[in-house]
Amino acid sequence: MTATMDRVCKEALELPLDQRLTVVYRILEQSDAGLDSGVVERDWDGVIRERMERYDSGQAKTRLASEVFAELEKRLGE
């Protein structure tokens, strides 16, 4: 793997599971992998429901979008 790919994989694996799934979904969505989109959508629906349940129950940790984007800008600038 290239150094960039190694770094991206390392950082992705450090994300919480739901965020890793989001990354995978976005990559698969943009690829020509020939995936059955119904399967991906059903799996994604489960992730969405889980997130909503965690938020509604107060278990989800929330942050301001401005904080998230500032952190991303900092990480991508390194």
C-alpha atoms as a PDB file:
ATOM      1  CA  MET A   1       0.000   0.000   0.000  1.00  0.00           C
ATOM      2  CA  THR A   2       1.040   3.566  -0.482  1.00  0.00           C
ATOM      3  CA  ALA A   3       1.797   5.770   2.508  1.00  0.00           C
ATOM      4  CA  THR A   4      -1.427   7.717   1.904  1.00  0.00           C
ATOM      5  CA  MET A   5      -3.530   4.565   1.767  1.00  0.00           C
ATOM      6  CA  ASP A   6      -1.869   3.231   4.917  1.00  0.00           C
ATOM      7  CA  ARG A   7      -2.631   6.506   6.727  1.00  0.00           C
ATOM      8  CA  VAL A   8      -6.249   6.569   5.536  1.00  0.00           C
ATOM      9  CA  CYS A   9      -6.811   2.948   6.595  1.00  0.00           C
ATOM     10  CA  LYS A  10      -5.181   3.529   9.979  1.00  0.00           C
ATOM     11  CA  GLU A  11      -7.313   6.608  10.645  1.00  0.00           C
ATOM     12  CA  ALA A  12     -10.486   4.882   9.449  1.00  0.00           C
ATOM     13  CA  LEU A  13      -9.894   1.963  11.808  1.00  0.00           C
ATOM     14  CA  GLU A  14      -9.616   4.401  14.719  1.00  0.00           C
ATOM     15  CA  LEU A  15     -13.162   5.653  14.108  1.00  0.00           C
ATOM     16  CA  PRO A  16     -16.131   4.347  16.092  1.00  0.00           C
ATOM     17  CA  LEU A  17     -17.988   1.506  14.373  1.00  0.00           C
ATOM     18  CA  ASP A  18     -20.887   3.617  13.122  1.00  0.00           C
ATOM     19  CA  GLN A  19     -18.502   6.101  11.509  1.00  0.00           C
ATOM     20  CA  ARG A  20     -16.458   3.290   9.914  1.00  0.00           C
ATOM     21  CA  LEU A  21     -19.674   1.918   8.441  1.00  0.00           C
ATOM     22  CA  THR A  22     -20.490   5.355   7.046  1.00  0.00           C
ATOM     23  CA  VAL A  23     -17.081   5.518   5.341  1.00  0.00           C
ATOM     24  CA  VAL A  24     -17.509   2.019   3.892  1.00  0.00           C
ATOM     25  CA  TYR A  25     -21.006   2.822   2.682  1.00  0.00           C
ATOM     26  CA  ARG A  26     -19.876   5.999   0.957  1.00  0.00           C
ATOM     27  CA  ILE A  27     -16.997   4.213  -0.767  1.00  0.00           C
ATOM     28  CA  LEU A  28     -19.213   1.343  -1.909  1.00  0.00           C
ATOM     29  CA  GLU A  29     -21.893   3.750  -3.046  1.00  0.00           C
ATOM     30  CA  GLN A  30     -19.399   5.453  -5.366  1.00  0.00           C
ATOM     31  CA  SER A  31     -17.774   2.268  -6.666  1.00  0.00           C
ATOM     32  CA  ASP A  32     -18.663  -0.053  -9.499  1.00  0.00           C
ATOM     33  CA  ALA A  33     -18.532  -3.068  -7.191  1.00  0.00           C
ATOM     34  CA  GLY A  34     -21.840  -4.335  -8.541  1.00  0.00           C
ATOM     35  CA  LEU A  35     -23.314  -4.574  -5.056  1.00  0.00           C
ATOM     36  CA  ASP A  36     -26.980  -5.263  -4.566  1.00  0.00           C
ATOM     37  CA  SER A  37     -28.054  -1.787  -3.484  1.00  0.00           C
ATOM     38  CA  GLY A  38     -31.080  -3.214  -1.651  1.00  0.00           C
ATOM     39  CA  VAL A  39     -28.778  -5.107   0.717  1.00  0.00           C
ATOM     40  CA  VAL A  40     -26.648  -2.040   1.372  1.00  0.00           C
ATOM     41  CA  GLU A  41     -29.729   0.110   1.947  1.00  0.00           C
ATOM     42  CA  ARG A  42     -31.256  -2.402   4.402  1.00  0.00           C
ATOM     43  CA  ASP A  43     -27.995  -2.540   6.356  1.00  0.00           C
ATOM     44  CA  TRP A  44     -27.754   1.249   6.318  1.00  0.00           C
ATOM     45  CA  ASP A  45     -31.330   1.513   7.621  1.00  0.00           C
ATOM     46  CA  GLY A  46     -30.257  -0.543  10.641  1.00  0.00           C
ATOM     47  CA  VAL A  47     -27.362   1.808  11.346  1.00  0.00           C
ATOM     48  CA  ILE A  48     -29.672   4.812  11.071  1.00  0.00           C
ATOM     49  CA  ARG A  49     -32.200   3.264  13.466  1.00  0.00           C
ATOM     50  CA  GLU A  50     -29.439   2.412  15.953  1.00  0.00           C
ATOM     51  CA  ARG A  51     -28.117   5.978  15.847  1.00  0.00           C
ATOM     52  CA  MET A  52     -31.598   7.415  16.346  1.00  0.00           C
ATOM     53  CA  GLU A  53     -32.237   5.123  19.326  1.00  0.00           C
ATOM     54  CA  ARG A  54     -28.925   6.111  20.923  1.00  0.00           C
ATOM     55  CA  TYR A  55     -29.677   9.803  20.382  1.00  0.00           C
ATOM     56  CA  ASP A  56     -33.253   9.537  21.690  1.00  0.00           C
ATOM     57  CA  SER A  57     -32.105   7.645  24.799  1.00  0.00           C
ATOM     58  CA  GLY A  58     -29.387  10.204  25.528  1.00  0.00           C
ATOM     59  CA  GLN A  59     -26.575   7.685  24.965  1.00  0.00           C
ATOM     60  CA  ALA A  60     -25.178   9.410  21.893  1.00  0.00           C
ATOM     61  CA  LYS A  61     -22.408  11.909  22.410  1.00  0.00           C
ATOM     62  CA  THR A  62     -23.099  14.974  20.277  1.00  0.00           C
ATOM     63  CA  ARG A  63     -20.857  17.767  19.053  1.00  0.00           C
ATOM     64  CA  LEU A  64     -21.392  20.963  17.163  1.00  0.00           C
ATOM     65  CA  ALA A  65     -20.897  20.559  13.423  1.00  0.00           C
ATOM     66  CA  SER A  66     -18.464  23.485  13.486  1.00  0.00           C
ATOM     67  CA  GLU A  67     -16.251  21.558  15.939  1.00  0.00           C
ATOM     68  CA  VAL A  68     -16.339  18.417  13.786  1.00  0.00           C
ATOM     69  CA  PHE A  69     -15.451  20.303  10.611  1.00  0.00           C
ATOM     70  CA  ALA A  70     -12.666  22.217  12.360  1.00  0.00           C
ATOM     71  CA  GLU A  71     -11.163  18.928  13.562  1.00  0.00           C
ATOM     72  CA  LEU A  72     -11.428  17.429  10.069  1.00  0.00           C
ATOM     73  CA  GLU A  73      -9.749  20.466   8.531  1.00  0.00           C
ATOM     74  CA  LYS A  74      -6.926  20.174  11.060  1.00  0.00           C
ATOM     75  CA  ARG A  75      -6.471  16.426  10.464  1.00  0.00           C
ATOM     76  CA  LEU A  76      -6.583  16.755   6.680  1.00  0.00           C
ATOM     77  CA  GLY A  77      -4.119  19.634   6.759  1.00  0.00           C
ATOM     78  CA  GLU A  78      -1.463  17.531   8.502  1.00  0.00           C
END
